[in-house]
Amino acid sequence: MQTVPFGNTGFNVSRLGVGLSEIGGQLAINDQDQAAAMLNTALDNGINFLDTSACYGISELLTGRAVSERRDEYFLATKAGHIALGAAGEEWTYQAVSEAIDRSLRLLQTDHVDLVQLHSCEIEILERVDVIRALQDAQQAGKTRFIGYSGDNEAAHWAVDSGLFATLQTSYNLVEQRARTSGLLEKATAQGMGTIIKRPIAGGVWGKSRPEAGIDDVGRYNTPYLLRAKEVRALGDIENEPADGILTALGYTLGDPNANVAIVGTTNPDHMATNIKQIDNDLPIPPSVIEELKSRFEKLDKDWAQRT
C-alpha cells in the first residue's frame, strides 16, 4: 500500500488506516476472533495506522488482545478526555486524561502509544490548558510519542493555530468539505502536522443516494449525510464518476494532498479486504470528478458545517 509522510512525525503512514470505533461498539468480548481477523487482514495488507479511543467501548481491549504482539508494525493512536468504561471523576480534567492514558496502555498491552489525541473537546476546554498539560506530561514520561487534537470547526482551527499539537484528526468527505474550504487542512499541512481524516466515506451514503436505491434513512448519524448527498446528485450526473460509491468517496478524500491517512472502520474482515483492494488498485479517480464534487459542495453549502 502507498505510504506518505505523516506530517513532521518522521513516520510514513499508509493512505488507509483502521478506525476502531466499530469493533468497540458492535462486537462483544466473545467476538475476539472476528476482531483479530479484521485487524490482521489490515496489517497483512500494508495498513500501518490504527486509531482507537478510551471511549470506544471495548475497542482498546480487543485491539490489545488481537495485535499487541505485532506492536512494531503499526502507528497506534488513541484518544482521551471523556469518562469511559465505568471510570470515576469529571471529564476533561487533568486527572481524567492522565488516568485514561494509563488505562489505554494497559488495555492495548503496550508501554507506549504513538499518539494521544484530545477527543473533540470545545475551545473553552482547550483554553483551560490543564488537559493539554496532561498530554504533555504523558509525552514527557514516554507514554506517548506525539500529542494531537481530534475535532472539527472552530476548535480544530484553535488547535492548529496553537502550535501545540503534532497531528490533527478532522472530518472530511465529499459531502463535508469545510475542512478544505475553510483552509483547515491546508493550514495544518503548512504547520507540519500529520492529518488524519475521519468519516472519509460519509457512512457510505454516496452510493445510497442514487434515486434507484430508494433509501431515505441510514441511521441517526448518517442520514444528514444522505440528505446532503441527494442534493449533490440532484444537480445531475457526473461524467466519468466510478460506479462504486465507496470508491468515489475514497477517491475524493484521498485526492486531497493535505489528507495523509483516511481511517475507515468495519467489523468485517472481507469489507476491510475490499477497501484495501480499492486503495491499491482503483485509485486515483478522475480529477474532473473531484473538481465537480468540490464545485457542487461550494454551490450548495449554506449550513453544511463539519459535524461533531
C-alpha atoms as a PDB file:
ATOM      1  CA  MET A   1       0.000   0.000   0.000  1.00  0.00           C
ATOM      2  CA  GLN A   2       1.147   3.523  -0.785  1.00  0.00           C
ATOM      3  CA  THR A   3       2.508   5.493   2.152  1.00  0.00           C
ATOM      4  CA  VAL A   4       3.080   9.217   2.597  1.00  0.00           C
ATOM      5  CA  PRO A   5       4.935  11.271   5.213  1.00  0.00           C
ATOM      6  CA  PHE A   6       2.785  11.814   8.285  1.00  0.00           C
ATOM      7  CA  GLY A   7       3.495  15.488   8.799  1.00  0.00           C
ATOM      8  CA  ASN A   8       6.770  16.070  10.624  1.00  0.00           C
ATOM      9  CA  THR A   9       6.496  12.936  12.761  1.00  0.00           C
ATOM     10  CA  GLY A  10       9.121  11.077  10.735  1.00  0.00           C
ATOM     11  CA  PHE A  11       6.652   8.260  10.114  1.00  0.00           C
ATOM     12  CA  ASN A  12       5.362   7.188   6.698  1.00  0.00           C
ATOM     13  CA  VAL A  13       1.683   6.336   7.064  1.00  0.00           C
ATOM     14  CA  SER A  14      -0.495   4.144   4.848  1.00  0.00           C
ATOM     15  CA  ARG A  15      -3.165   6.105   2.996  1.00  0.00           C
ATOM     16  CA  LEU A  16      -5.825   3.884   4.558  1.00  0.00           C
ATOM     17  CA  GLY A  17      -5.982   3.439   8.314  1.00  0.00           C
ATOM     18  CA  VAL A  18      -8.311   1.479  10.562  1.00  0.00           C
ATOM     19  CA  GLY A  19     -10.842   3.302  12.707  1.00  0.00           C
ATOM     20  CA  LEU A  20     -11.659   1.129  15.693  1.00  0.00           C
ATOM     21  CA  SER A  21     -14.921   2.609  16.953  1.00  0.00           C
ATOM     22  CA  GLU A  22     -16.999  -0.086  15.259  1.00  0.00           C
ATOM     23  CA  ILE A  23     -15.276  -3.044  16.866  1.00  0.00           C
ATOM     24  CA  GLY A  24     -15.634  -1.391  20.260  1.00  0.00           C
ATOM     25  CA  GLY A  25     -19.316  -0.612  19.867  1.00  0.00           C
ATOM     26  CA  GLN A  26     -20.590  -3.517  17.776  1.00  0.00           C
ATOM     27  CA  LEU A  27     -18.598  -6.523  18.975  1.00  0.00           C
ATOM     28  CA  ALA A  28     -18.595  -8.337  22.294  1.00  0.00           C
ATOM     29  CA  ILE A  29     -15.781  -9.985  24.226  1.00  0.00           C
ATOM     30  CA  ASN A  30     -16.578 -13.341  22.650  1.00  0.00           C
ATOM     31  CA  ASP A  31     -16.111 -11.787  19.175  1.00  0.00           C
ATOM     32  CA  GLN A  32     -12.355 -11.559  19.743  1.00  0.00           C
ATOM     33  CA  ASP A  33     -11.569 -13.843  16.790  1.00  0.00           C
ATOM     34  CA  GLN A  34     -13.546 -11.610  14.429  1.00  0.00           C
ATOM     35  CA  ALA A  35     -11.750  -8.501  15.646  1.00  0.00           C
ATOM     36  CA  ALA A  36      -8.407 -10.255  15.300  1.00  0.00           C
ATOM     37  CA  ALA A  37      -9.204 -11.401  11.761  1.00  0.00           C
ATOM     38  CA  MET A  38     -10.112  -7.864  10.667  1.00  0.00           C
ATOM     39  CA  LEU A  39      -7.045  -6.290  12.264  1.00  0.00           C
ATOM     40  CA  ASN A  40      -4.629  -8.891  10.971  1.00  0.00           C
ATOM     41  CA  THR A  41      -6.119  -8.593   7.478  1.00  0.00           C
ATOM     42  CA  ALA A  42      -5.337  -4.884   7.639  1.00  0.00           C
ATOM     43  CA  LEU A  43      -1.772  -5.328   8.886  1.00  0.00           C
ATOM     44  CA  ASP A  44      -1.050  -8.193   6.478  1.00  0.00           C
ATOM     45  CA  ASN A  45      -2.001  -5.956   3.554  1.00  0.00           C
ATOM     46  CA  GLY A  46       0.107  -2.923   4.377  1.00  0.00           C
ATOM     47  CA  ILE A  47      -2.070  -0.814   6.672  1.00  0.00           C
ATOM     48  CA  ASN A  48       0.104   0.613   9.436  1.00  0.00           C
ATOM     49  CA  PHE A  49      -2.208   3.068  11.233  1.00  0.00           C
ATOM     50  CA  LEU A  50      -4.712   2.098  13.940  1.00  0.00           C
ATOM     51  CA  ASP A  51      -6.944   4.694  15.603  1.00  0.00           C
ATOM     52  CA  THR A  52      -8.904   3.897  18.757  1.00  0.00           C
ATOM     53  CA  SER A  53     -10.104   5.750  21.846  1.00  0.00           C
ATOM     54  CA  ALA A  54     -10.621   5.262  25.554  1.00  0.00           C
ATOM     55  CA  CYS A  55     -14.341   5.846  24.970  1.00  0.00           C
ATOM     56  CA  TYR A  56     -14.820   3.336  22.135  1.00  0.00           C
ATOM     57  CA  GLY A  57     -16.301   0.631  24.340  1.00  0.00           C
ATOM     58  CA  ILE A  58     -14.098  -2.473  24.337  1.00  0.00           C
ATOM     59  CA  SER A  59     -12.082  -1.339  21.309  1.00  0.00           C
ATOM     60  CA  GLU A  60      -8.766  -0.999  23.149  1.00  0.00           C
ATOM     61  CA  LEU A  61      -9.248  -4.340  24.893  1.00  0.00           C
ATOM     62  CA  LEU A  62      -9.975  -6.219  21.650  1.00  0.00           C
ATOM     63  CA  THR A  63      -7.130  -4.446  19.845  1.00  0.00           C
ATOM     64  CA  GLY A  64      -4.591  -5.229  22.561  1.00  0.00           C
ATOM     65  CA  ARG A  65      -5.563  -8.882  22.628  1.00  0.00           C
ATOM     66  CA  ALA A  66      -5.511  -9.134  18.834  1.00  0.00           C
ATOM     67  CA  VAL A  67      -2.332  -7.414  17.690  1.00  0.00           C
ATOM     68  CA  SER A  68      -0.172  -6.367  20.643  1.00  0.00           C
ATOM     69  CA  GLU A  69       2.429  -8.929  19.572  1.00  0.00           C
ATOM     70  CA  ARG A  70       2.735  -7.022  16.270  1.00  0.00           C
ATOM     71  CA  ARG A  71       3.215  -3.673  18.024  1.00  0.00           C
ATOM     72  CA  ASP A  72       6.239  -2.647  15.949  1.00  0.00           C
ATOM     73  CA  GLU A  73       4.241  -2.927  12.706  1.00  0.00           C
ATOM     74  CA  TYR A  74       1.822  -0.049  13.206  1.00  0.00           C
ATOM     75  CA  PHE A  75       1.407   3.526  14.399  1.00  0.00           C
ATOM     76  CA  LEU A  76      -1.008   3.357  17.339  1.00  0.00           C
ATOM     77  CA  ALA A  77      -3.261   6.313  18.115  1.00  0.00           C
ATOM     78  CA  THR A  78      -5.810   6.667  20.884  1.00  0.00           C
ATOM     79  CA  LYS A  79      -7.877   9.474  22.408  1.00  0.00           C
ATOM     80  CA  ALA A  80      -8.664  10.713  25.904  1.00  0.00           C
ATOM     81  CA  GLY A  81     -10.815  13.170  27.785  1.00  0.00           C
ATOM     82  CA  HIS A  82     -14.188  11.502  28.302  1.00  0.00           C
ATOM     83  CA  ILE A  83     -15.067   9.335  31.289  1.00  0.00           C
ATOM     84  CA  ALA A  84     -15.432   5.779  29.995  1.00  0.00           C
ATOM     85  CA  LEU A  85     -15.562   2.109  30.990  1.00  0.00           C
ATOM     86  CA  GLY A  86     -17.001   2.859  34.390  1.00  0.00           C
ATOM     87  CA  ALA A  87     -14.221   5.229  35.432  1.00  0.00           C
ATOM     88  CA  ALA A  88     -14.988   7.795  38.114  1.00  0.00           C
ATOM     89  CA  GLY A  89     -14.289  11.515  38.085  1.00  0.00           C
ATOM     90  CA  GLU A  90     -15.030  14.564  35.975  1.00  0.00           C
ATOM     91  CA  GLU A  91     -14.367  14.530  32.247  1.00  0.00           C
ATOM     92  CA  TRP A  92     -11.985  16.988  30.616  1.00  0.00           C
ATOM     93  CA  THR A  93      -9.701  17.331  33.620  1.00  0.00           C
ATOM     94  CA  TYR A  94      -6.010  16.642  34.070  1.00  0.00           C
ATOM     95  CA  GLN A  95      -6.882  13.591  36.149  1.00  0.00           C
ATOM     96  CA  ALA A  96      -9.373  12.183  33.644  1.00  0.00           C
ATOM     97  CA  VAL A  97      -6.938  12.478  30.752  1.00  0.00           C
ATOM     98  CA  SER A  98      -3.997  11.056  32.705  1.00  0.00           C
ATOM     99  CA  GLU A  99      -5.967   8.098  34.031  1.00  0.00           C
ATOM    100  CA  ALA A 100      -7.407   7.379  30.588  1.00  0.00           C
ATOM    101  CA  ILE A 101      -3.913   7.220  29.094  1.00  0.00           C
ATOM    102  CA  ASP A 102      -2.733   4.772  31.743  1.00  0.00           C
ATOM    103  CA  ARG A 103      -5.819   2.618  31.240  1.00  0.00           C
ATOM    104  CA  SER A 104      -5.308   2.680  27.461  1.00  0.00           C
ATOM    105  CA  LEU A 105      -1.755   1.420  27.840  1.00  0.00           C
ATOM    106  CA  ARG A 106      -2.936  -1.477  29.989  1.00  0.00           C
ATOM    107  CA  LEU A 107      -5.735  -2.462  27.630  1.00  0.00           C
ATOM    108  CA  LEU A 108      -3.609  -2.085  24.498  1.00  0.00           C
ATOM    109  CA  GLN A 109      -0.866  -4.161  26.167  1.00  0.00           C
ATOM    110  CA  THR A 110       1.917  -1.715  25.382  1.00  0.00           C
ATOM    111  CA  ASP A 111       4.225   0.594  27.300  1.00  0.00           C
ATOM    112  CA  HIS A 112       3.563   3.491  24.913  1.00  0.00           C
ATOM    113  CA  VAL A 113       1.281   4.649  22.154  1.00  0.00           C
ATOM    114  CA  ASP A 114       2.445   6.736  19.233  1.00  0.00           C
ATOM    115  CA  LEU A 115      -0.266   9.368  19.581  1.00  0.00           C
ATOM    116  CA  VAL A 116      -2.735  10.531  22.219  1.00  0.00           C
ATOM    117  CA  GLN A 117      -5.391  12.947  20.992  1.00  0.00           C
ATOM    118  CA  LEU A 118      -7.830  15.119  22.878  1.00  0.00           C
ATOM    119  CA  HIS A 119     -11.194  13.830  21.724  1.00  0.00           C
ATOM    120  CA  SER A 120     -13.462  16.508  20.255  1.00  0.00           C
ATOM    121  CA  CYS A 121     -13.495  18.979  23.120  1.00  0.00           C
ATOM    122  CA  GLU A 122     -14.514  22.593  22.615  1.00  0.00           C
ATOM    123  CA  ILE A 123     -12.321  25.699  22.634  1.00  0.00           C
ATOM    124  CA  GLU A 124     -13.222  26.504  26.234  1.00  0.00           C
ATOM    125  CA  ILE A 125     -11.672  23.249  27.393  1.00  0.00           C
ATOM    126  CA  LEU A 126      -8.583  23.726  25.241  1.00  0.00           C
ATOM    127  CA  GLU A 127      -8.107  27.203  26.668  1.00  0.00           C
ATOM    128  CA  ARG A 128      -8.112  25.832  30.220  1.00  0.00           C
ATOM    129  CA  VAL A 129      -4.746  24.247  29.341  1.00  0.00           C
ATOM    130  CA  ASP A 130      -4.832  21.517  32.032  1.00  0.00           C
ATOM    131  CA  VAL A 131      -5.915  18.803  29.582  1.00  0.00           C
ATOM    132  CA  ILE A 132      -3.145  19.803  27.194  1.00  0.00           C
ATOM    133  CA  ARG A 133      -0.682  19.725  30.082  1.00  0.00           C
ATOM    134  CA  ALA A 134      -1.831  16.171  30.860  1.00  0.00           C
ATOM    135  CA  LEU A 135      -0.892  15.147  27.306  1.00  0.00           C
ATOM    136  CA  GLN A 136       2.444  16.945  27.542  1.00  0.00           C
ATOM    137  CA  ASP A 137       3.262  15.240  30.832  1.00  0.00           C
ATOM    138  CA  ALA A 138       2.393  11.846  29.350  1.00  0.00           C
ATOM    139  CA  GLN A 139       4.683  12.611  26.426  1.00  0.00           C
ATOM    140  CA  GLN A 140       7.465  13.651  28.781  1.00  0.00           C
ATOM    141  CA  ALA A 141       7.019  10.369  30.673  1.00  0.00           C
ATOM    142  CA  GLY A 142       7.383   8.337  27.475  1.00  0.00           C
ATOM    143  CA  LYS A 143       3.791   7.136  27.434  1.00  0.00           C
ATOM    144  CA  THR A 144       3.166   8.699  24.021  1.00  0.00           C
ATOM    145  CA  ARG A 145       5.457   9.876  21.257  1.00  0.00           C
ATOM    146  CA  PHE A 146       3.143  12.623  19.976  1.00  0.00           C
ATOM    147  CA  ILE A 147       0.094  14.581  21.083  1.00  0.00           C
ATOM    148  CA  GLY A 148      -2.771  15.645  18.840  1.00  0.00           C
ATOM    149  CA  TYR A 149      -6.262  17.039  18.587  1.00  0.00           C
ATOM    150  CA  SER A 150      -9.309  15.293  17.132  1.00  0.00           C
ATOM    151  CA  GLY A 151     -12.236  17.552  16.311  1.00  0.00           C
ATOM    152  CA  ASP A 152     -13.872  19.999  13.972  1.00  0.00           C
ATOM    153  CA  ASN A 153     -14.832  23.586  13.204  1.00  0.00           C
ATOM    154  CA  GLU A 154     -13.578  26.431  15.418  1.00  0.00           C
ATOM    155  CA  ALA A 155     -11.925  24.153  17.982  1.00  0.00           C
ATOM    156  CA  ALA A 156      -9.919  22.438  15.250  1.00  0.00           C
ATOM    157  CA  HIS A 157      -8.726  25.817  13.985  1.00  0.00           C
ATOM    158  CA  TRP A 158      -7.739  26.768  17.551  1.00  0.00           C
ATOM    159  CA  ALA A 159      -5.768  23.544  17.901  1.00  0.00           C
ATOM    160  CA  VAL A 160      -3.894  24.094  14.644  1.00  0.00           C
ATOM    161  CA  ASP A 161      -3.218  27.770  15.351  1.00  0.00           C
ATOM    162  CA  SER A 162      -1.911  26.969  18.845  1.00  0.00           C
ATOM    163  CA  GLY A 163       1.136  25.145  17.512  1.00  0.00           C
ATOM    164  CA  LEU A 164       0.880  22.708  20.443  1.00  0.00           C
ATOM    165  CA  PHE A 165      -0.122  19.580  18.560  1.00  0.00           C
ATOM    166  CA  ALA A 166       1.698  17.283  16.149  1.00  0.00           C
ATOM    167  CA  THR A 167      -1.439  15.982  14.454  1.00  0.00           C
ATOM    168  CA  LEU A 168      -4.998  16.923  13.546  1.00  0.00           C
ATOM    169  CA  GLN A 169      -7.866  14.486  13.103  1.00  0.00           C
ATOM    170  CA  THR A 170     -10.922  16.035  11.478  1.00  0.00           C
ATOM    171  CA  SER A 171     -13.996  15.215   9.391  1.00  0.00           C
ATOM    172  CA  TYR A 172     -13.634  15.456   5.623  1.00  0.00           C
ATOM    173  CA  ASN A 173     -15.535  13.799   2.788  1.00  0.00           C
ATOM    174  CA  LEU A 174     -17.383  14.581  -0.422  1.00  0.00           C
ATOM    175  CA  VAL A 175     -20.406  15.988   1.462  1.00  0.00           C
ATOM    176  CA  GLU A 176     -18.442  17.566   4.314  1.00  0.00           C
ATOM    177  CA  GLN A 177     -15.763  19.755   2.767  1.00  0.00           C
ATOM    178  CA  ARG A 178     -15.423  22.608   5.265  1.00  0.00           C
ATOM    179  CA  ALA A 179     -12.004  21.309   6.309  1.00  0.00           C
ATOM    180  CA  ARG A 180     -10.934  22.267   2.784  1.00  0.00           C
ATOM    181  CA  THR A 181     -12.993  25.374   2.123  1.00  0.00           C
ATOM    182  CA  SER A 182     -12.074  26.923   5.491  1.00  0.00           C
ATOM    183  CA  GLY A 183      -8.376  26.269   4.876  1.00  0.00           C
ATOM    184  CA  LEU A 184      -8.105  23.989   7.924  1.00  0.00           C
ATOM    185  CA  LEU A 185      -6.292  21.098   6.234  1.00  0.00           C
ATOM    186  CA  GLU A 186      -4.013  23.365   4.233  1.00  0.00           C
ATOM    187  CA  LYS A 187      -3.102  25.266   7.393  1.00  0.00           C
ATOM    188  CA  ALA A 188      -2.363  22.047   9.285  1.00  0.00           C
ATOM    189  CA  THR A 189      -0.083  20.875   6.491  1.00  0.00           C
ATOM    190  CA  ALA A 190       1.732  24.207   6.489  1.00  0.00           C
ATOM    191  CA  GLN A 191       2.313  23.745  10.245  1.00  0.00           C
ATOM    192  CA  GLY A 192       3.895  20.343   9.610  1.00  0.00           C
ATOM    193  CA  MET A 193       1.039  18.487  11.280  1.00  0.00           C
ATOM    194  CA  GLY A 194       0.075  14.958  10.338  1.00  0.00           C
ATOM    195  CA  THR A 195      -3.534  14.884   9.124  1.00  0.00           C
ATOM    196  CA  ILE A 196      -5.988  12.095   9.919  1.00  0.00           C
ATOM    197  CA  ILE A 197      -9.313  12.094   8.096  1.00  0.00           C
ATOM    198  CA  LYS A 198     -12.298  10.696   9.979  1.00  0.00           C
ATOM    199  CA  ARG A 199     -15.581   9.835   8.224  1.00  0.00           C
ATOM    200  CA  PRO A 200     -13.852   9.768   4.812  1.00  0.00           C
ATOM    201  CA  ILE A 201     -16.693   7.834   3.158  1.00  0.00           C
ATOM    202  CA  ALA A 202     -19.529   9.669   4.977  1.00  0.00           C
ATOM    203  CA  GLY A 203     -21.110   6.435   6.129  1.00  0.00           C
ATOM    204  CA  GLY A 204     -21.237   5.082   2.580  1.00  0.00           C
ATOM    205  CA  VAL A 205     -24.069   7.426   1.604  1.00  0.00           C
ATOM    206  CA  TRP A 206     -22.864   8.387  -1.876  1.00  0.00           C
ATOM    207  CA  GLY A 207     -23.908   5.103  -3.482  1.00  0.00           C
ATOM    208  CA  LYS A 208     -27.074   5.020  -1.375  1.00  0.00           C
ATOM    209  CA  SER A 209     -28.071   8.474  -2.612  1.00  0.00           C
ATOM    210  CA  ARG A 210     -28.865   7.277  -6.137  1.00  0.00           C
ATOM    211  CA  PRO A 211     -32.614   7.611  -6.810  1.00  0.00           C
ATOM    212  CA  GLU A 212     -32.879   3.962  -7.799  1.00  0.00           C
ATOM    213  CA  ALA A 213     -31.533   2.921  -4.397  1.00  0.00           C
ATOM    214  CA  GLY A 214     -34.771   4.055  -2.782  1.00  0.00           C
ATOM    215  CA  ILE A 215     -33.030   4.759   0.537  1.00  0.00           C
ATOM    216  CA  ASP A 216     -34.171   7.633   2.728  1.00  0.00           C
ATOM    217  CA  ASP A 217     -32.824   6.701   6.172  1.00  0.00           C
ATOM    218  CA  VAL A 218     -29.396   5.319   7.075  1.00  0.00           C
ATOM    219  CA  GLY A 219     -29.470   5.847  10.806  1.00  0.00           C
ATOM    220  CA  ARG A 220     -29.421   8.815  13.129  1.00  0.00           C
ATOM    221  CA  TYR A 221     -25.874   9.975  12.411  1.00  0.00           C
ATOM    222  CA  ASN A 222     -25.554   9.296   8.682  1.00  0.00           C
ATOM    223  CA  THR A 223     -28.997  10.361   7.456  1.00  0.00           C
ATOM    224  CA  PRO A 224     -27.984  14.063   7.338  1.00  0.00           C
ATOM    225  CA  TYR A 225     -25.064  12.981   5.129  1.00  0.00           C
ATOM    226  CA  LEU A 226     -27.503  11.094   2.903  1.00  0.00           C
ATOM    227  CA  LEU A 227     -29.697  14.176   2.524  1.00  0.00           C
ATOM    228  CA  ARG A 228     -26.659  16.234   1.529  1.00  0.00           C
ATOM    229  CA  ALA A 229     -25.613  13.576  -0.974  1.00  0.00           C
ATOM    230  CA  LYS A 230     -29.073  13.576  -2.553  1.00  0.00           C
ATOM    231  CA  GLU A 231     -28.844  17.355  -3.034  1.00  0.00           C
ATOM    232  CA  VAL A 232     -25.460  16.981  -4.705  1.00  0.00           C
ATOM    233  CA  ARG A 233     -26.786  14.254  -7.014  1.00  0.00           C
ATOM    234  CA  ALA A 234     -29.847  16.326  -7.894  1.00  0.00           C
ATOM    235  CA  LEU A 235     -27.553  18.643  -9.863  1.00  0.00           C
ATOM    236  CA  GLY A 236     -27.127  15.899 -12.467  1.00  0.00           C
ATOM    237  CA  ASP A 237     -24.849  13.051 -13.441  1.00  0.00           C
ATOM    238  CA  ILE A 238     -21.101  13.441 -13.009  1.00  0.00           C
ATOM    239  CA  GLU A 239     -19.178  12.399 -16.096  1.00  0.00           C
ATOM    240  CA  ASN A 240     -16.684   9.553 -15.504  1.00  0.00           C
ATOM    241  CA  GLU A 241     -17.848   9.007 -11.924  1.00  0.00           C
ATOM    242  CA  PRO A 242     -16.956   5.484 -10.727  1.00  0.00           C
ATOM    243  CA  ALA A 243     -19.902   3.108 -10.418  1.00  0.00           C
ATOM    244  CA  ASP A 244     -18.913   2.223  -6.862  1.00  0.00           C
ATOM    245  CA  GLY A 245     -19.928   4.934  -4.400  1.00  0.00           C
ATOM    246  CA  ILE A 246     -17.314   3.926  -1.822  1.00  0.00           C
ATOM    247  CA  LEU A 247     -14.583   4.234  -4.444  1.00  0.00           C
ATOM    248  CA  THR A 248     -15.806   7.703  -5.399  1.00  0.00           C
ATOM    249  CA  ALA A 249     -15.810   8.761  -1.745  1.00  0.00           C
ATOM    250  CA  LEU A 250     -12.338   7.380  -1.048  1.00  0.00           C
ATOM    251  CA  GLY A 251     -11.060   8.862  -4.293  1.00  0.00           C
ATOM    252  CA  TYR A 252     -12.387  12.284  -3.370  1.00  0.00           C
ATOM    253  CA  THR A 253     -10.904  12.297   0.127  1.00  0.00           C
ATOM    254  CA  LEU A 254      -7.522  10.817  -0.731  1.00  0.00           C
ATOM    255  CA  GLY A 255      -7.274  13.021  -3.801  1.00  0.00           C
ATOM    256  CA  ASP A 256      -6.586  15.920  -1.445  1.00  0.00           C
ATOM    257  CA  PRO A 257      -2.816  16.402  -0.973  1.00  0.00           C
ATOM    258  CA  ASN A 258      -3.446  17.696   2.555  1.00  0.00           C
ATOM    259  CA  ALA A 259      -5.027  14.412   3.673  1.00  0.00           C
ATOM    260  CA  ASN A 260      -2.403  11.944   4.938  1.00  0.00           C
ATOM    261  CA  VAL A 261      -4.426   8.970   6.189  1.00  0.00           C
ATOM    262  CA  ALA A 262      -8.147   8.216   5.967  1.00  0.00           C
ATOM    263  CA  ILE A 263      -9.489   5.967   8.698  1.00  0.00           C
ATOM    264  CA  VAL A 264     -12.314   3.574   7.831  1.00  0.00           C
ATOM    265  CA  GLY A 265     -13.981   1.362  10.397  1.00  0.00           C
ATOM    266  CA  THR A 266     -15.510  -2.074   9.988  1.00  0.00           C
ATOM    267  CA  THR A 267     -16.017  -5.275  11.960  1.00  0.00           C
ATOM    268  CA  ASN A 268     -15.906  -7.395   8.801  1.00  0.00           C
ATOM    269  CA  PRO A 269     -12.556  -8.768   7.533  1.00  0.00           C
ATOM    270  CA  ASP A 270     -13.993  -9.076   3.995  1.00  0.00           C
ATOM    271  CA  HIS A 271     -15.043  -5.420   3.965  1.00  0.00           C
ATOM    272  CA  MET A 272     -11.556  -4.465   5.106  1.00  0.00           C
ATOM    273  CA  ALA A 273     -10.024  -6.523   2.296  1.00  0.00           C
ATOM    274  CA  THR A 274     -12.315  -4.812  -0.253  1.00  0.00           C
ATOM    275  CA  ASN A 275     -11.330  -1.358   0.972  1.00  0.00           C
ATOM    276  CA  ILE A 276      -7.655  -2.263   0.712  1.00  0.00           C
ATOM    277  CA  LYS A 277      -8.132  -3.577  -2.825  1.00  0.00           C
ATOM    278  CA  GLN A 278      -9.767  -0.316  -3.882  1.00  0.00           C
ATOM    279  CA  ILE A 279      -6.954   1.749  -2.423  1.00  0.00           C
ATOM    280  CA  ASP A 280      -4.287  -0.419  -4.019  1.00  0.00           C
ATOM    281  CA  ASN A 281      -5.844  -0.976  -7.438  1.00  0.00           C
ATOM    282  CA  ASP A 282      -8.569   1.546  -8.258  1.00  0.00           C
ATOM    283  CA  LEU A 283      -7.292   4.965  -7.206  1.00  0.00           C
ATOM    284  CA  PRO A 284      -6.973   7.718  -8.226  1.00  0.00           C
ATOM    285  CA  ILE A 285     -10.371   8.604  -9.620  1.00  0.00           C
ATOM    286  CA  PRO A 286     -10.569  11.153 -12.480  1.00  0.00           C
ATOM    287  CA  PRO A 287      -9.566  14.661 -11.337  1.00  0.00           C
ATOM    288  CA  SER A 288     -12.603  16.050 -13.153  1.00  0.00           C
ATOM    289  CA  VAL A 289     -14.878  14.121 -10.785  1.00  0.00           C
ATOM    290  CA  ILE A 290     -13.119  15.592  -7.756  1.00  0.00           C
ATOM    291  CA  GLU A 291     -13.362  19.122  -9.161  1.00  0.00           C
ATOM    292  CA  GLU A 292     -17.062  18.688  -9.897  1.00  0.00           C
ATOM    293  CA  LEU A 293     -17.714  17.453  -6.351  1.00  0.00           C
ATOM    294  CA  LYS A 294     -15.863  20.466  -4.980  1.00  0.00           C
ATOM    295  CA  SER A 295     -17.858  22.842  -7.167  1.00  0.00           C
ATOM    296  CA  ARG A 296     -21.177  21.323  -6.158  1.00  0.00           C
ATOM    297  CA  PHE A 297     -20.377  21.467  -2.457  1.00  0.00           C
ATOM    298  CA  GLU A 298     -19.423  25.124  -2.709  1.00  0.00           C
ATOM    299  CA  LYS A 299     -22.649  25.857  -4.594  1.00  0.00           C
ATOM    300  CA  LEU A 300     -24.866  24.062  -2.069  1.00  0.00           C
ATOM    301  CA  ASP A 301     -23.043  24.815   1.182  1.00  0.00           C
ATOM    302  CA  LYS A 302     -25.256  27.055   3.286  1.00  0.00           C
ATOM    303  CA  ASP A 303     -25.013  25.426   6.700  1.00  0.00           C
ATOM    304  CA  TRP A 304     -23.018  22.281   5.917  1.00  0.00           C
ATOM    305  CA  ALA A 305     -20.525  22.750   8.726  1.00  0.00           C
ATOM    306  CA  GLN A 306     -18.406  19.873   9.988  1.00  0.00           C
ATOM    307  CA  ARG A 307     -20.481  17.575  12.163  1.00  0.00           C
ATOM    308  CA  THR A 308     -19.015  16.684  15.541  1.00  0.00           C
END
